[in-house]
Amino acid sequence: MTRIVYVLPDGAERLVEASDGESLMRAALQNDISEIVGECGGEMSCGTCHVYIDDAPDGIDPQSRDERELLDMVDSARPSSRLACQIAVRPELAGLCVRIADAQ
């Protein structure tokens, strides 16, 4: 289990124990973080798991071309934008701060 911190749009923080290998989106859904919708179930087709990762550690999966293209269509995208369904939890991400975008 790896501890991940989700920062909700209102600034509240939720500490989650996530299973290694699952996505940040699944970890949020399994821990009742309703601000992440995950409408497509992690198929990278909706953008409803849009998050910001400001200080990405070395262990984070790089952004794919498909993820970049989908994020290009999101109004609130920033350079630190990611899709939570595309990032696998692993021990190197312990303490990762995941900021949930305002509009999902």
Protein backbone atom coordinates (compact mmCIF):
# COMPACT_ATOMS: atom_id res chain seq x y z
CA MET A 1 0.00 0.00 0.00
CA THR A 2 1.16 3.48 -0.89
CA ARG A 3 -0.09 6.68 0.70
CA ILE A 4 -1.41 9.27 -1.75
CA VAL A 5 -2.76 12.71 -0.83
CA TYR A 6 -5.73 13.97 -2.85
CA VAL A 7 -6.42 17.70 -2.63
CA LEU A 8 -10.08 18.40 -3.34
CA PRO A 9 -11.13 21.49 -5.32
CA ASP A 10 -12.14 23.22 -2.05
CA GLY A 11 -8.62 22.69 -0.64
CA ALA A 12 -9.50 19.86 1.74
CA GLU A 13 -7.02 16.98 1.78
CA ARG A 14 -7.74 13.24 1.85
CA LEU A 15 -5.01 10.72 2.62
CA VAL A 16 -5.58 7.40 0.89
CA GLU A 17 -3.86 4.03 1.22
CA ALA A 18 -3.73 2.86 -2.41
CA SER A 19 -2.88 -0.62 -3.63
CA ASP A 20 0.25 -0.75 -5.73
CA GLY A 21 -0.54 -1.34 -9.39
CA GLU A 22 -3.97 0.30 -9.40
CA SER A 23 -4.53 3.68 -11.03
CA LEU A 24 -4.86 6.93 -9.11
CA MET A 25 -8.42 7.12 -10.46
CA ARG A 26 -9.38 3.69 -9.08
CA ALA A 27 -7.75 4.50 -5.73
CA ALA A 28 -9.86 7.67 -5.51
CA LEU A 29 -13.08 5.88 -6.46
CA GLN A 30 -12.43 3.06 -3.99
CA ASN A 31 -11.97 5.63 -1.24
CA ASP A 32 -15.16 7.57 -1.99
CA ILE A 33 -13.50 10.64 -3.45
CA SER A 34 -16.51 11.75 -5.46
CA GLU A 35 -14.74 14.69 -7.09
CA ILE A 36 -13.08 12.20 -9.46
CA VAL A 37 -15.80 10.78 -11.66
CA GLY A 38 -13.99 8.25 -13.87
CA GLU A 39 -16.96 8.14 -16.23
CA CYS A 40 -15.23 5.98 -18.87
CA GLY A 41 -13.90 3.51 -16.30
CA GLY A 42 -10.28 4.30 -17.05
CA GLU A 43 -10.41 3.87 -20.82
CA MET A 44 -8.94 7.36 -21.39
CA SER A 45 -11.90 8.65 -23.35
CA CYS A 46 -13.64 11.19 -21.12
CA GLY A 47 -11.26 13.36 -19.05
CA THR A 48 -13.40 13.11 -15.88
CA CYS A 49 -10.38 12.07 -13.83
CA HIS A 50 -8.39 15.23 -14.68
CA VAL A 51 -5.89 16.10 -11.96
CA TYR A 52 -2.83 18.30 -11.47
CA ILE A 53 0.48 16.84 -10.35
CA ASP A 54 2.72 19.80 -9.61
CA ASP A 55 5.86 18.07 -8.36
CA ALA A 56 5.88 14.80 -10.26
CA PRO A 57 8.41 12.34 -8.84
CA ASP A 58 10.72 10.32 -11.08
CA GLY A 59 8.62 7.17 -10.58
CA ILE A 60 5.53 8.57 -12.28
CA ASP A 61 4.48 7.18 -15.66
CA PRO A 62 5.22 9.57 -18.53
CA GLN A 63 2.33 11.12 -20.39
CA SER A 64 1.40 9.31 -23.60
CA ARG A 65 0.54 11.03 -26.87
CA ASP A 66 -3.11 9.94 -26.49
CA GLU A 67 -3.29 11.39 -22.98
CA ARG A 68 -1.81 14.69 -24.19
CA GLU A 69 -4.34 14.85 -27.03
CA LEU A 70 -7.28 14.28 -24.67
CA LEU A 71 -5.97 16.88 -22.21
CA ASP A 72 -5.63 19.38 -25.08
CA MET A 73 -9.45 19.34 -25.24
CA VAL A 74 -9.88 20.09 -21.52
CA ASP A 75 -10.51 23.78 -20.79
CA SER A 76 -8.80 23.77 -17.40
CA ALA A 77 -5.65 21.95 -18.57
CA ARG A 78 -2.27 23.17 -17.33
CA PRO A 79 1.28 21.90 -17.89
CA SER A 80 0.87 19.78 -14.73
CA SER A 81 -2.40 18.20 -15.95
CA ARG A 82 -2.73 14.42 -16.02
CA LEU A 83 -5.47 11.82 -16.25
CA ALA A 84 -5.57 9.89 -12.98
CA CYS A 85 -6.54 6.73 -14.88
CA GLN A 86 -3.14 6.74 -16.59
CA ILE A 87 -0.93 6.80 -13.50
CA ALA A 88 -0.22 3.53 -11.74
CA VAL A 89 0.39 3.60 -8.00
CA ARG A 90 3.76 2.26 -6.88
CA PRO A 91 5.93 2.72 -3.79
CA GLU A 92 7.99 5.49 -5.42
CA LEU A 93 4.86 7.65 -5.41
CA ALA A 94 4.43 7.59 -1.62
CA GLY A 95 3.21 10.99 -0.45
CA LEU A 96 2.29 12.13 -3.97
CA CYS A 97 0.00 15.17 -3.92
CA VAL A 98 -2.80 14.88 -6.50
CA ARG A 99 -4.84 18.06 -6.95
CA ILE A 100 -8.29 17.40 -8.40
CA ALA A 101 -9.35 19.84 -11.12
CA ASP A 102 -12.38 22.03 -10.39
CA ALA A 103 -14.55 20.85 -13.27
CA GLN A 104 -14.78 17.14 -13.96
